[in-house]
Amino acid sequence: MLTSRLMSGAASCDAIVLLSGGLDSATALAITRSEGKSCLALSFRYGQRHRVELASASRVAQALGVVDH
């Protein structure tokens, strides 16, 4: 299910950006968007306690208008 959602989102974007919610990945996404590219943002929940970063990643993705996150 995730794979089909990822593939459908990837088909409609110019770039896929790994988005941790931190400053570096948010900057990479902002630069990519400023170049006029439509983006798919990927974040991973890998069992660590970083819910704050995932929430931040969601806000950044929404604010920068990514295709899907």
PDB file of N, CA and C in Angstrom:
ATOM      1  N   MET A   1       0.821  -1.191   0.000  1.00  0.00           N
ATOM      2  CA  MET A   1       0.000   0.000   0.000  1.00  0.00           C
ATOM      3  C   MET A   1       0.864   1.253   0.000  1.00  0.00           C
ATOM      4  N   LEU A   2       1.852   1.293   0.877  1.00  0.00           N
ATOM      5  CA  LEU A   2       2.753   2.434   0.909  1.00  0.00           C
ATOM      6  C   LEU A   2       3.504   2.559  -0.402  1.00  0.00           C
ATOM      7  N   THR A   3       3.914   1.429  -0.961  1.00  0.00           N
ATOM      8  CA  THR A   3       4.652   1.458  -2.217  1.00  0.00           C
ATOM      9  C   THR A   3       3.820   2.059  -3.336  1.00  0.00           C
ATOM     10  N   SER A   4       2.556   1.683  -3.454  1.00  0.00           N
ATOM     11  CA  SER A   4       1.721   2.238  -4.518  1.00  0.00           C
ATOM     12  C   SER A   4       1.470   3.723  -4.293  1.00  0.00           C
ATOM     13  N   ARG A   5       1.313   4.130  -3.040  1.00  0.00           N
ATOM     14  CA  ARG A   5       1.127   5.555  -2.747  1.00  0.00           C
ATOM     15  C   ARG A   5       2.396   6.342  -3.088  1.00  0.00           C
ATOM     16  N   LEU A   6       3.545   5.768  -2.737  1.00  0.00           N
ATOM     17  CA  LEU A   6       4.815   6.413  -3.044  1.00  0.00           C
ATOM     18  C   LEU A   6       5.004   6.535  -4.542  1.00  0.00           C
ATOM     19  N   MET A   7       4.724   5.475  -5.277  1.00  0.00           N
ATOM     20  CA  MET A   7       4.907   5.497  -6.720  1.00  0.00           C
ATOM     21  C   MET A   7       3.964   6.487  -7.394  1.00  0.00           C
ATOM     22  N   SER A   8       2.727   6.581  -6.926  1.00  0.00           N
ATOM     23  CA  SER A   8       1.799   7.533  -7.537  1.00  0.00           C
ATOM     24  C   SER A   8       2.223   8.961  -7.227  1.00  0.00           C
ATOM     25  N   GLY A   9       2.721   9.216  -6.020  1.00  0.00           N
ATOM     26  CA  GLY A   9       3.218  10.546  -5.680  1.00  0.00           C
ATOM     27  C   GLY A   9       4.479  10.889  -6.446  1.00  0.00           C
ATOM     28  N   ALA A  10       5.378   9.902  -6.588  1.00  0.00           N
ATOM     29  CA  ALA A  10       6.640  10.127  -7.297  1.00  0.00           C
ATOM     30  C   ALA A  10       6.403  10.418  -8.770  1.00  0.00           C
ATOM     31  N   ALA A  11       5.365   9.830  -9.338  1.00  0.00           N
ATOM     32  CA  ALA A  11       5.077  10.040 -10.755  1.00  0.00           C
ATOM     33  C   ALA A  11       4.661  11.474 -11.037  1.00  0.00           C
ATOM     34  N   SER A  12       4.163  12.172 -10.034  1.00  0.00           N
ATOM     35  CA  SER A  12       3.667  13.532 -10.262  1.00  0.00           C
ATOM     36  C   SER A  12       4.608  14.601  -9.695  1.00  0.00           C
ATOM     37  N   CYS A  13       5.862  14.242  -9.429  1.00  0.00           N
ATOM     38  CA  CYS A  13       6.780  15.237  -8.873  1.00  0.00           C
ATOM     39  C   CYS A  13       8.102  15.234  -9.626  1.00  0.00           C
ATOM     40  N   ASP A  14       8.875  16.308  -9.423  1.00  0.00           N
ATOM     41  CA  ASP A  14      10.185  16.447 -10.052  1.00  0.00           C
ATOM     42  C   ASP A  14      11.313  15.944  -9.160  1.00  0.00           C
ATOM     43  N   ALA A  15      11.090  15.923  -7.839  1.00  0.00           N
ATOM     44  CA  ALA A  15      12.155  15.556  -6.906  1.00  0.00           C
ATOM     45  C   ALA A  15      11.576  14.868  -5.674  1.00  0.00           C
ATOM     46  N   ILE A  16      12.371  13.982  -5.097  1.00  0.00           N
ATOM     47  CA  ILE A  16      12.031  13.344  -3.832  1.00  0.00           C
ATOM     48  C   ILE A  16      13.070  13.799  -2.816  1.00  0.00           C
ATOM     49  N   VAL A  17      12.606  14.380  -1.713  1.00  0.00           N
ATOM     50  CA  VAL A  17      13.500  14.921  -0.693  1.00  0.00           C
ATOM     51  C   VAL A  17      13.268  14.191   0.617  1.00  0.00           C
ATOM     52  N   LEU A  18      14.350  13.686   1.232  1.00  0.00           N
ATOM     53  CA  LEU A  18      14.251  13.098   2.561  1.00  0.00           C
ATOM     54  C   LEU A  18      14.143  14.239   3.555  1.00  0.00           C
ATOM     55  N   LEU A  19      13.085  14.224   4.360  1.00  0.00           N
ATOM     56  CA  LEU A  19      12.777  15.338   5.254  1.00  0.00           C
ATOM     57  C   LEU A  19      12.704  14.840   6.691  1.00  0.00           C
ATOM     58  N   SER A  20      13.734  15.174   7.477  1.00  0.00           N
ATOM     59  CA  SER A  20      13.779  14.721   8.870  1.00  0.00           C
ATOM     60  C   SER A  20      13.039  15.666   9.800  1.00  0.00           C
ATOM     61  N   GLY A  21      12.846  16.882   9.362  1.00  0.00           N
ATOM     62  CA  GLY A  21      12.263  17.898  10.230  1.00  0.00           C
ATOM     63  C   GLY A  21      13.317  18.838  10.780  1.00  0.00           C
ATOM     64  N   GLY A  22      14.579  18.515  10.514  1.00  0.00           N
ATOM     65  CA  GLY A  22      15.682  19.357  10.960  1.00  0.00           C
ATOM     66  C   GLY A  22      15.985  20.462   9.962  1.00  0.00           C
ATOM     67  N   LEU A  23      16.911  21.321  10.337  1.00  0.00           N
ATOM     68  CA  LEU A  23      17.251  22.491   9.526  1.00  0.00           C
ATOM     69  C   LEU A  23      17.835  22.113   8.168  1.00  0.00           C
ATOM     70  N   ASP A  24      18.719  21.130   8.130  1.00  0.00           N
ATOM     71  CA  ASP A  24      19.371  20.775   6.861  1.00  0.00           C
ATOM     72  C   ASP A  24      18.385  20.276   5.818  1.00  0.00           C
ATOM     73  N   SER A  25      17.536  19.330   6.210  1.00  0.00           N
ATOM     74  CA  SER A  25      16.601  18.781   5.226  1.00  0.00           C
ATOM     75  C   SER A  25      15.520  19.795   4.859  1.00  0.00           C
ATOM     76  N   ALA A  26      15.117  20.635   5.803  1.00  0.00           N
ATOM     77  CA  ALA A  26      14.140  21.690   5.491  1.00  0.00           C
ATOM     78  C   ALA A  26      14.730  22.679   4.496  1.00  0.00           C
ATOM     79  N   THR A  27      16.010  22.987   4.649  1.00  0.00           N
ATOM     80  CA  THR A  27      16.689  23.889   3.717  1.00  0.00           C
ATOM     81  C   THR A  27      16.800  23.260   2.336  1.00  0.00           C
ATOM     82  N   ALA A  28      17.142  21.961   2.291  1.00  0.00           N
ATOM     83  CA  ALA A  28      17.225  21.263   1.001  1.00  0.00           C
ATOM     84  C   ALA A  28      15.881  21.290   0.286  1.00  0.00           C
ATOM     85  N   LEU A  29      14.797  21.071   1.033  1.00  0.00           N
ATOM     86  CA  LEU A  29      13.462  21.119   0.443  1.00  0.00           C
ATOM     87  C   LEU A  29      13.134  22.536  -0.034  1.00  0.00           C
ATOM     88  N   ALA A  30      13.452  23.536   0.762  1.00  0.00           N
ATOM     89  CA  ALA A  30      13.166  24.923   0.382  1.00  0.00           C
ATOM     90  C   ALA A  30      13.933  25.319  -0.874  1.00  0.00           C
ATOM     91  N   ILE A  31      15.183  24.898  -0.981  1.00  0.00           N
ATOM     92  CA  ILE A  31      15.972  25.213  -2.176  1.00  0.00           C
ATOM     93  C   ILE A  31      15.368  24.531  -3.401  1.00  0.00           C
ATOM     94  N   THR A  32      15.007  23.272  -3.244  1.00  0.00           N
ATOM     95  CA  THR A  32      14.409  22.533  -4.357  1.00  0.00           C
ATOM     96  C   THR A  32      13.107  23.183  -4.804  1.00  0.00           C
ATOM     97  N   ARG A  33      12.261  23.586  -3.852  1.00  0.00           N
ATOM     98  CA  ARG A  33      11.005  24.259  -4.192  1.00  0.00           C
ATOM     99  C   ARG A  33      11.271  25.620  -4.829  1.00  0.00           C
ATOM    100  N   SER A  34      12.305  26.338  -4.360  1.00  0.00           N
ATOM    101  CA  SER A  34      12.606  27.661  -4.921  1.00  0.00           C
ATOM    102  C   SER A  34      13.074  27.563  -6.370  1.00  0.00           C
ATOM    103  N   GLU A  35      13.541  26.385  -6.763  1.00  0.00           N
ATOM    104  CA  GLU A  35      13.936  26.150  -8.150  1.00  0.00           C
ATOM    105  C   GLU A  35      12.738  25.773  -9.020  1.00  0.00           C
ATOM    106  N   GLY A  36      11.541  25.811  -8.419  1.00  0.00           N
ATOM    107  CA  GLY A  36      10.321  25.554  -9.170  1.00  0.00           C
ATOM    108  C   GLY A  36       9.960  24.088  -9.324  1.00  0.00           C
ATOM    109  N   LYS A  37      10.608  23.232  -8.575  1.00  0.00           N
ATOM    110  CA  LYS A  37      10.342  21.802  -8.678  1.00  0.00           C
ATOM    111  C   LYS A  37       9.199  21.387  -7.751  1.00  0.00           C
ATOM    112  N   SER A  38       8.336  20.496  -8.236  1.00  0.00           N
ATOM    113  CA  SER A  38       7.330  19.898  -7.361  1.00  0.00           C
ATOM    114  C   SER A  38       8.014  18.744  -6.633  1.00  0.00           C
ATOM    115  N   CYS A  39       7.698  18.571  -5.354  1.00  0.00           N
ATOM    116  CA  CYS A  39       8.447  17.631  -4.527  1.00  0.00           C
ATOM    117  C   CYS A  39       7.555  16.651  -3.786  1.00  0.00           C
ATOM    118  N   LEU A  40       8.111  15.472  -3.587  1.00  0.00           N
ATOM    119  CA  LEU A  40       7.578  14.474  -2.682  1.00  0.00           C
ATOM    120  C   LEU A  40       8.552  14.435  -1.514  1.00  0.00           C
ATOM    121  N   ALA A  41       8.057  14.579  -0.290  1.00  0.00           N
ATOM    122  CA  ALA A  41       8.920  14.552   0.892  1.00  0.00           C
ATOM    123  C   ALA A  41       8.735  13.227   1.619  1.00  0.00           C
ATOM    124  N   LEU A  42       9.836  12.606   1.991  1.00  0.00           N
ATOM    125  CA  LEU A  42       9.799  11.340   2.717  1.00  0.00           C
ATOM    126  C   LEU A  42      10.380  11.521   4.108  1.00  0.00           C
ATOM    127  N   SER A  43       9.653  11.056   5.103  1.00  0.00           N
ATOM    128  CA  SER A  43      10.130  11.026   6.486  1.00  0.00           C
ATOM    129  C   SER A  43       9.936   9.607   6.990  1.00  0.00           C
ATOM    130  N   PHE A  44      10.780   9.200   7.911  1.00  0.00           N
ATOM    131  CA  PHE A  44      10.721   7.831   8.413  1.00  0.00           C
ATOM    132  C   PHE A  44      10.539   7.806   9.915  1.00  0.00           C
ATOM    133  N   ARG A  45       9.650   6.947  10.374  1.00  0.00           N
ATOM    134  CA  ARG A  45       9.489   6.666  11.798  1.00  0.00           C
ATOM    135  C   ARG A  45      10.223   5.359  12.036  1.00  0.00           C
ATOM    136  N   TYR A  46      11.346   5.420  12.710  1.00  0.00           N
ATOM    137  CA  TYR A  46      12.191   4.244  12.848  1.00  0.00           C
ATOM    138  C   TYR A  46      12.343   3.779  14.291  1.00  0.00           C
ATOM    139  N   GLY A  47      11.359   4.081  15.133  1.00  0.00           N
ATOM    140  CA  GLY A  47      11.346   3.575  16.494  1.00  0.00           C
ATOM    141  C   GLY A  47      12.047   4.445  17.515  1.00  0.00           C
ATOM    142  N   GLN A  48      12.702   5.475  17.092  1.00  0.00           N
ATOM    143  CA  GLN A  48      13.350   6.384  18.025  1.00  0.00           C
ATOM    144  C   GLN A  48      12.324   7.384  18.544  1.00  0.00           C
ATOM    145  N   ARG A  49      12.675   8.056  19.592  1.00  0.00           N
ATOM    146  CA  ARG A  49      11.768   9.075  20.132  1.00  0.00           C
ATOM    147  C   ARG A  49      12.035  10.417  19.448  1.00  0.00           C
ATOM    148  N   HIS A  50      11.424  10.604  18.331  1.00  0.00           N
ATOM    149  CA  HIS A  50      11.620  11.861  17.602  1.00  0.00           C
ATOM    150  C   HIS A  50      10.313  12.376  17.011  1.00  0.00           C
ATOM    151  N   ARG A  51       9.242  12.216  17.757  1.00  0.00           N
ATOM    152  CA  ARG A  51       7.932  12.679  17.276  1.00  0.00           C
ATOM    153  C   ARG A  51       7.929  14.173  16.970  1.00  0.00           C
ATOM    154  N   VAL A  52       8.706  14.925  17.724  1.00  0.00           N
ATOM    155  CA  VAL A  52       8.788  16.374  17.493  1.00  0.00           C
ATOM    156  C   VAL A  52       9.336  16.645  16.102  1.00  0.00           C
ATOM    157  N   GLU A  53      10.357  15.885  15.693  1.00  0.00           N
ATOM    158  CA  GLU A  53      10.932  16.075  14.363  1.00  0.00           C
ATOM    159  C   GLU A  53       9.940  15.698  13.266  1.00  0.00           C
ATOM    160  N   LEU A  54       9.184  14.631  13.467  1.00  0.00           N
ATOM    161  CA  LEU A  54       8.192  14.241  12.465  1.00  0.00           C
ATOM    162  C   LEU A  54       7.084  15.283  12.348  1.00  0.00           C
ATOM    163  N   ALA A  55       6.670  15.837  13.477  1.00  0.00           N
ATOM    164  CA  ALA A  55       5.659  16.897  13.444  1.00  0.00           C
ATOM    165  C   ALA A  55       6.210  18.118  12.724  1.00  0.00           C
ATOM    166  N   SER A  56       7.464  18.437  12.980  1.00  0.00           N
ATOM    167  CA  SER A  56       8.111  19.561  12.301  1.00  0.00           C
ATOM    168  C   SER A  56       8.213  19.294  10.803  1.00  0.00           C
ATOM    169  N   ALA A  57       8.574  18.067  10.432  1.00  0.00           N
ATOM    170  CA  ALA A  57       8.668  17.707   9.014  1.00  0.00           C
ATOM    171  C   ALA A  57       7.322  17.895   8.318  1.00  0.00           C
ATOM    172  N   SER A  58       6.243  17.508   8.977  1.00  0.00           N
ATOM    173  CA  SER A  58       4.905  17.680   8.402  1.00  0.00           C
ATOM    174  C   SER A  58       4.577  19.151   8.188  1.00  0.00           C
ATOM    175  N   ARG A  59       4.913  19.980   9.167  1.00  0.00           N
ATOM    176  CA  ARG A  59       4.647  21.422   9.030  1.00  0.00           C
ATOM    177  C   ARG A  59       5.471  22.043   7.908  1.00  0.00           C
ATOM    178  N   VAL A  60       6.739  21.654   7.815  1.00  0.00           N
ATOM    179  CA  VAL A  60       7.607  22.180   6.757  1.00  0.00           C
ATOM    180  C   VAL A  60       7.077  21.756   5.391  1.00  0.00           C
ATOM    181  N   ALA A  61       6.727  20.482   5.255  1.00  0.00           N
ATOM    182  CA  ALA A  61       6.211  19.981   3.974  1.00  0.00           C
ATOM    183  C   ALA A  61       4.949  20.724   3.562  1.00  0.00           C
ATOM    184  N   GLN A  62       4.060  20.929   4.502  1.00  0.00           N
ATOM    185  CA  GLN A  62       2.818  21.636   4.198  1.00  0.00           C
ATOM    186  C   GLN A  62       3.106  23.091   3.821  1.00  0.00           C
ATOM    187  N   ALA A  63       3.973  23.740   4.571  1.00  0.00           N
ATOM    188  CA  ALA A  63       4.272  25.152   4.318  1.00  0.00           C
ATOM    189  C   ALA A  63       4.945  25.351   2.948  1.00  0.00           C
ATOM    190  N   LEU A  64       5.723  24.359   2.516  1.00  0.00           N
ATOM    191  CA  LEU A  64       6.436  24.495   1.255  1.00  0.00           C
ATOM    192  C   LEU A  64       5.682  23.875   0.082  1.00  0.00           C
ATOM    193  N   GLY A  65       4.487  23.370   0.337  1.00  0.00           N
ATOM    194  CA  GLY A  65       3.620  22.899  -0.738  1.00  0.00           C
ATOM    195  C   GLY A  65       4.115  21.676  -1.467  1.00  0.00           C
ATOM    196  N   VAL A  66       4.575  20.669  -0.736  1.00  0.00           N
ATOM    197  CA  VAL A  66       5.034  19.443  -1.397  1.00  0.00           C
ATOM    198  C   VAL A  66       3.844  18.684  -1.982  1.00  0.00           C
ATOM    199  N   VAL A  67       4.103  17.863  -2.995  1.00  0.00           N
ATOM    200  CA  VAL A  67       3.076  17.062  -3.641  1.00  0.00           C
ATOM    201  C   VAL A  67       2.445  16.102  -2.635  1.00  0.00           C
ATOM    202  N   ASP A  68       3.304  15.414  -1.870  1.00  0.00           N
ATOM    203  CA  ASP A  68       2.838  14.451  -0.867  1.00  0.00           C
ATOM    204  C   ASP A  68       3.931  14.295   0.174  1.00  0.00           C
ATOM    205  N   HIS A  69       3.538  13.998   1.401  1.00  0.00           N
ATOM    206  CA  HIS A  69       4.493  13.740   2.496  1.00  0.00           C
ATOM    207  C   HIS A  69       4.020  12.559   3.276  1.00  0.00           C
TER     208      HIS A  69
END
